[in-house]
Amino acid sequence: MNPLEEFKFWLQDNLDDLKAACKSDTLRLLLNDMYRRVTESYEACVNRILAPGNKEALALTEKLNAVQDEVNDDLSRLDDIECTLDKIATGVKIASKIAMLAIQH
């Protein structure tokens, strides 16, 4: 399973808990938008195959793995949902870059 897929499904699996931790509708809307964007990125990649040995893709997937590890740690506490959402947003941006690489190939 690739890191983009893992991140997408991790976010999907934890979406309800993350929404429950959001203290405002604005944060819930932001979270929904981030989930939509990572889903779109994932779906773009499903339809294309990343070039093997693509150094940029490998670097981005390593970053995405690191972000997911951080967010997994945060999920056990959820004491600072804004910080967690910022990390998820970073993951979404990385996922979008991975999708763009797939589209370009």
N, C-alpha and C. Protein backbone atom coordinates (compact mmCIF):
# COMPACT_ATOMS: atom_id res chain seq x y z
N MET A 1 0.85 -1.17 0.00
CA MET A 1 0.00 0.00 0.00
C MET A 1 0.90 1.24 0.00
N ASN A 2 0.61 2.20 -0.84
CA ASN A 2 1.47 3.38 -0.90
C ASN A 2 1.08 4.41 0.17
N PRO A 3 1.97 5.32 0.50
CA PRO A 3 1.70 6.29 1.56
C PRO A 3 0.49 7.19 1.30
N LEU A 4 0.26 7.55 0.06
CA LEU A 4 -0.91 8.38 -0.24
C LEU A 4 -2.18 7.61 0.10
N GLU A 5 -2.22 6.35 -0.29
CA GLU A 5 -3.38 5.52 0.00
C GLU A 5 -3.54 5.34 1.51
N GLU A 6 -2.44 5.08 2.20
CA GLU A 6 -2.49 4.91 3.65
C GLU A 6 -3.00 6.17 4.34
N PHE A 7 -2.50 7.33 3.90
CA PHE A 7 -2.92 8.60 4.51
C PHE A 7 -4.40 8.86 4.26
N LYS A 8 -4.83 8.63 3.03
CA LYS A 8 -6.24 8.85 2.67
C LYS A 8 -7.14 7.99 3.54
N PHE A 9 -6.82 6.69 3.66
CA PHE A 9 -7.67 5.80 4.43
C PHE A 9 -7.53 6.04 5.93
N TRP A 10 -6.36 6.47 6.37
CA TRP A 10 -6.21 6.84 7.79
C TRP A 10 -7.14 8.00 8.10
N LEU A 11 -7.12 9.02 7.24
CA LEU A 11 -7.97 10.19 7.47
C LEU A 11 -9.44 9.79 7.42
N GLN A 12 -9.79 8.94 6.49
CA GLN A 12 -11.17 8.46 6.38
C GLN A 12 -11.59 7.72 7.65
N ASP A 13 -10.72 6.85 8.14
CA ASP A 13 -11.04 6.05 9.33
C ASP A 13 -11.16 6.90 10.59
N ASN A 14 -10.46 8.02 10.64
CA ASN A 14 -10.44 8.85 11.84
C ASN A 14 -11.26 10.14 11.71
N LEU A 15 -11.94 10.28 10.60
CA LEU A 15 -12.66 11.52 10.32
C LEU A 15 -13.69 11.86 11.39
N ASP A 16 -14.46 10.89 11.84
CA ASP A 16 -15.48 11.16 12.85
C ASP A 16 -14.87 11.66 14.16
N ASP A 17 -13.78 11.03 14.60
CA ASP A 17 -13.12 11.46 15.84
C ASP A 17 -12.54 12.87 15.69
N LEU A 18 -11.97 13.13 14.52
CA LEU A 18 -11.40 14.46 14.28
C LEU A 18 -12.51 15.52 14.25
N LYS A 19 -13.61 15.21 13.59
CA LYS A 19 -14.74 16.16 13.55
C LYS A 19 -15.28 16.42 14.95
N ALA A 20 -15.37 15.37 15.75
CA ALA A 20 -15.88 15.52 17.11
C ALA A 20 -14.97 16.42 17.94
N ALA A 21 -13.68 16.40 17.65
CA ALA A 21 -12.73 17.22 18.39
C ALA A 21 -12.73 18.68 17.92
N CYS A 22 -13.28 18.94 16.75
CA CYS A 22 -13.34 20.32 16.24
C CYS A 22 -14.35 21.11 17.07
N LYS A 23 -13.93 22.30 17.47
CA LYS A 23 -14.76 23.10 18.35
C LYS A 23 -15.66 24.10 17.61
N SER A 24 -15.58 24.10 16.28
CA SER A 24 -16.41 25.03 15.51
C SER A 24 -16.77 24.42 14.17
N ASP A 25 -17.84 24.95 13.60
CA ASP A 25 -18.24 24.51 12.26
C ASP A 25 -17.17 24.85 11.24
N THR A 26 -16.47 25.96 11.45
CA THR A 26 -15.41 26.36 10.52
C THR A 26 -14.32 25.30 10.46
N LEU A 27 -13.92 24.78 11.61
CA LEU A 27 -12.90 23.74 11.63
C LEU A 27 -13.41 22.45 11.00
N ARG A 28 -14.69 22.12 11.25
CA ARG A 28 -15.26 20.91 10.63
C ARG A 28 -15.31 21.06 9.11
N LEU A 29 -15.68 22.24 8.63
CA LEU A 29 -15.70 22.49 7.18
C LEU A 29 -14.30 22.39 6.59
N LEU A 30 -13.31 22.93 7.32
CA LEU A 30 -11.93 22.84 6.87
C LEU A 30 -11.49 21.38 6.79
N LEU A 31 -11.81 20.61 7.79
CA LEU A 31 -11.48 19.19 7.80
C LEU A 31 -12.16 18.45 6.65
N ASN A 32 -13.42 18.74 6.41
CA ASN A 32 -14.13 18.12 5.28
C ASN A 32 -13.46 18.46 3.96
N ASP A 33 -13.03 19.72 3.82
CA ASP A 33 -12.38 20.14 2.58
C ASP A 33 -11.04 19.42 2.42
N MET A 34 -10.30 19.28 3.50
CA MET A 34 -9.01 18.58 3.42
C MET A 34 -9.23 17.12 3.04
N TYR A 35 -10.26 16.50 3.61
CA TYR A 35 -10.55 15.11 3.26
C TYR A 35 -10.94 14.99 1.79
N ARG A 36 -11.72 15.92 1.30
CA ARG A 36 -12.11 15.92 -0.11
C ARG A 36 -10.88 16.03 -1.00
N ARG A 37 -9.97 16.93 -0.64
CA ARG A 37 -8.78 17.15 -1.45
C ARG A 37 -7.86 15.93 -1.46
N VAL A 38 -7.66 15.31 -0.31
CA VAL A 38 -6.79 14.14 -0.28
C VAL A 38 -7.44 12.98 -1.04
N THR A 39 -8.76 12.89 -0.98
CA THR A 39 -9.47 11.85 -1.73
C THR A 39 -9.30 12.07 -3.23
N GLU A 40 -9.41 13.31 -3.66
CA GLU A 40 -9.21 13.63 -5.08
C GLU A 40 -7.79 13.29 -5.52
N SER A 41 -6.83 13.61 -4.67
CA SER A 41 -5.43 13.29 -4.98
C SER A 41 -5.23 11.79 -5.09
N TYR A 42 -5.81 11.07 -4.15
CA TYR A 42 -5.69 9.61 -4.16
C TYR A 42 -6.31 9.04 -5.43
N GLU A 43 -7.49 9.51 -5.77
CA GLU A 43 -8.16 8.99 -6.95
C GLU A 43 -7.39 9.30 -8.23
N ALA A 44 -6.74 10.46 -8.28
CA ALA A 44 -5.92 10.79 -9.44
C ALA A 44 -4.76 9.80 -9.57
N CYS A 45 -4.19 9.41 -8.43
CA CYS A 45 -3.07 8.47 -8.46
C CYS A 45 -3.52 7.06 -8.80
N VAL A 46 -4.71 6.69 -8.37
CA VAL A 46 -5.21 5.35 -8.66
C VAL A 46 -5.28 5.16 -10.17
N ASN A 47 -5.58 6.23 -10.88
CA ASN A 47 -5.73 6.15 -12.33
C ASN A 47 -4.41 6.25 -13.09
N ARG A 48 -3.35 6.52 -12.40
CA ARG A 48 -2.02 6.62 -13.03
C ARG A 48 -0.98 5.93 -12.15
N ILE A 49 0.07 5.52 -12.74
CA ILE A 49 1.14 4.86 -11.99
C ILE A 49 2.34 5.79 -11.93
N LEU A 50 2.85 5.98 -10.73
CA LEU A 50 4.05 6.80 -10.59
C LEU A 50 5.24 6.06 -11.20
N ALA A 51 6.09 6.82 -11.86
CA ALA A 51 7.27 6.22 -12.49
C ALA A 51 8.17 5.61 -11.41
N PRO A 52 8.57 4.36 -11.58
CA PRO A 52 9.47 3.74 -10.61
C PRO A 52 10.80 4.50 -10.57
N GLY A 53 11.32 4.66 -9.38
CA GLY A 53 12.61 5.33 -9.24
C GLY A 53 12.55 6.84 -9.31
N ASN A 54 11.35 7.39 -9.35
CA ASN A 54 11.20 8.84 -9.40
C ASN A 54 11.60 9.40 -8.04
N LYS A 55 12.76 10.08 -7.99
CA LYS A 55 13.31 10.57 -6.72
C LYS A 55 12.38 11.57 -6.04
N GLU A 56 11.73 12.42 -6.83
CA GLU A 56 10.81 13.41 -6.25
C GLU A 56 9.62 12.71 -5.59
N ALA A 57 9.08 11.71 -6.26
CA ALA A 57 7.95 10.96 -5.70
C ALA A 57 8.37 10.23 -4.43
N LEU A 58 9.55 9.64 -4.44
CA LEU A 58 10.03 8.94 -3.25
C LEU A 58 10.21 9.89 -2.07
N ALA A 59 10.75 11.08 -2.33
CA ALA A 59 10.95 12.07 -1.27
C ALA A 59 9.60 12.52 -0.70
N LEU A 60 8.65 12.74 -1.58
CA LEU A 60 7.32 13.17 -1.13
C LEU A 60 6.62 12.09 -0.32
N THR A 61 6.76 10.84 -0.74
CA THR A 61 6.11 9.77 0.03
C THR A 61 6.75 9.60 1.39
N GLU A 62 8.06 9.84 1.48
CA GLU A 62 8.71 9.80 2.80
C GLU A 62 8.17 10.92 3.70
N LYS A 63 7.98 12.11 3.13
CA LYS A 63 7.42 13.22 3.91
C LYS A 63 6.00 12.89 4.36
N LEU A 64 5.22 12.31 3.46
CA LEU A 64 3.84 11.96 3.81
C LEU A 64 3.82 10.92 4.92
N ASN A 65 4.71 9.95 4.86
CA ASN A 65 4.80 8.96 5.94
C ASN A 65 5.11 9.63 7.27
N ALA A 66 6.03 10.60 7.27
CA ALA A 66 6.40 11.30 8.50
C ALA A 66 5.23 12.08 9.06
N VAL A 67 4.48 12.75 8.18
CA VAL A 67 3.30 13.51 8.62
C VAL A 67 2.28 12.55 9.23
N GLN A 68 2.05 11.42 8.58
CA GLN A 68 1.07 10.48 9.11
C GLN A 68 1.50 9.98 10.48
N ASP A 69 2.78 9.72 10.67
CA ASP A 69 3.27 9.30 11.99
C ASP A 69 2.98 10.35 13.05
N GLU A 70 3.22 11.62 12.71
CA GLU A 70 2.95 12.71 13.66
C GLU A 70 1.47 12.79 14.00
N VAL A 71 0.62 12.69 12.98
CA VAL A 71 -0.81 12.81 13.20
C VAL A 71 -1.33 11.61 13.99
N ASN A 72 -0.76 10.44 13.75
CA ASN A 72 -1.14 9.27 14.55
C ASN A 72 -0.85 9.51 16.02
N ASP A 73 0.29 10.11 16.32
CA ASP A 73 0.63 10.44 17.70
C ASP A 73 -0.37 11.45 18.27
N ASP A 74 -0.71 12.45 17.47
CA ASP A 74 -1.67 13.47 17.91
C ASP A 74 -3.04 12.86 18.20
N LEU A 75 -3.43 11.88 17.39
CA LEU A 75 -4.76 11.31 17.51
C LEU A 75 -4.99 10.67 18.87
N SER A 76 -3.93 10.18 19.49
CA SER A 76 -4.09 9.57 20.80
C SER A 76 -4.45 10.60 21.87
N ARG A 77 -4.16 11.87 21.59
CA ARG A 77 -4.43 12.92 22.57
C ARG A 77 -5.54 13.87 22.12
N LEU A 78 -5.44 14.36 20.91
CA LEU A 78 -6.36 15.36 20.37
C LEU A 78 -6.53 16.55 21.31
N ASP A 79 -5.45 16.94 21.97
CA ASP A 79 -5.52 18.07 22.88
C ASP A 79 -5.37 19.40 22.15
N ASP A 80 -4.84 19.38 20.94
CA ASP A 80 -4.68 20.61 20.16
C ASP A 80 -5.14 20.34 18.74
N ILE A 81 -6.45 20.37 18.53
CA ILE A 81 -7.02 20.00 17.24
C ILE A 81 -6.52 20.91 16.12
N GLU A 82 -6.30 22.20 16.41
CA GLU A 82 -5.81 23.10 15.37
C GLU A 82 -4.43 22.67 14.87
N CYS A 83 -3.58 22.27 15.77
CA CYS A 83 -2.24 21.78 15.41
C CYS A 83 -2.37 20.49 14.58
N THR A 84 -3.25 19.60 15.01
CA THR A 84 -3.47 18.36 14.28
C THR A 84 -3.99 18.65 12.88
N LEU A 85 -4.93 19.59 12.77
CA LEU A 85 -5.47 19.95 11.45
C LEU A 85 -4.39 20.57 10.57
N ASP A 86 -3.49 21.34 11.17
CA ASP A 86 -2.38 21.91 10.39
C ASP A 86 -1.50 20.79 9.82
N LYS A 87 -1.25 19.77 10.62
CA LYS A 87 -0.45 18.65 10.15
C LYS A 87 -1.17 17.89 9.05
N ILE A 88 -2.48 17.71 9.20
CA ILE A 88 -3.26 17.05 8.16
C ILE A 88 -3.22 17.87 6.87
N ALA A 89 -3.32 19.19 7.01
CA ALA A 89 -3.24 20.07 5.84
C ALA A 89 -1.90 19.89 5.12
N THR A 90 -0.83 19.76 5.90
CA THR A 90 0.48 19.50 5.30
C THR A 90 0.46 18.19 4.53
N GLY A 91 -0.13 17.17 5.13
CA GLY A 91 -0.25 15.88 4.45
C GLY A 91 -1.06 15.98 3.16
N VAL A 92 -2.12 16.77 3.19
CA VAL A 92 -2.95 16.96 2.00
C VAL A 92 -2.14 17.64 0.89
N LYS A 93 -1.35 18.63 1.26
CA LYS A 93 -0.51 19.32 0.27
C LYS A 93 0.49 18.35 -0.35
N ILE A 94 1.11 17.53 0.48
CA ILE A 94 2.07 16.55 -0.03
C ILE A 94 1.35 15.55 -0.94
N ALA A 95 0.18 15.10 -0.52
CA ALA A 95 -0.60 14.16 -1.33
C ALA A 95 -0.94 14.78 -2.68
N SER A 96 -1.26 16.06 -2.69
CA SER A 96 -1.56 16.75 -3.95
C SER A 96 -0.34 16.78 -4.87
N LYS A 97 0.82 16.99 -4.28
CA LYS A 97 2.05 17.00 -5.08
C LYS A 97 2.32 15.62 -5.67
N ILE A 98 2.06 14.58 -4.89
CA ILE A 98 2.24 13.21 -5.38
C ILE A 98 1.28 12.98 -6.56
N ALA A 99 0.05 13.43 -6.41
CA ALA A 99 -0.93 13.27 -7.48
C ALA A 99 -0.48 14.02 -8.74
N MET A 100 0.08 15.20 -8.57
CA MET A 100 0.55 15.97 -9.74
C MET A 100 1.67 15.23 -10.45
N LEU A 101 2.54 14.58 -9.70
CA LEU A 101 3.59 13.77 -10.32
C LEU A 101 2.99 12.65 -11.14
N ALA A 102 1.96 12.03 -10.61
CA ALA A 102 1.31 10.93 -11.32
C ALA A 102 0.65 11.43 -12.60
N ILE A 103 0.06 12.60 -12.54
CA ILE A 103 -0.61 13.16 -13.70
C ILE A 103 0.40 13.52 -14.78
N GLN A 104 1.57 13.99 -14.38
CA GLN A 104 2.60 14.40 -15.33
C GLN A 104 3.23 13.20 -16.05
N HIS A 105 3.12 12.01 -15.49
CA HIS A 105 3.77 10.84 -16.09
C HIS A 105 2.81 10.03 -16.91
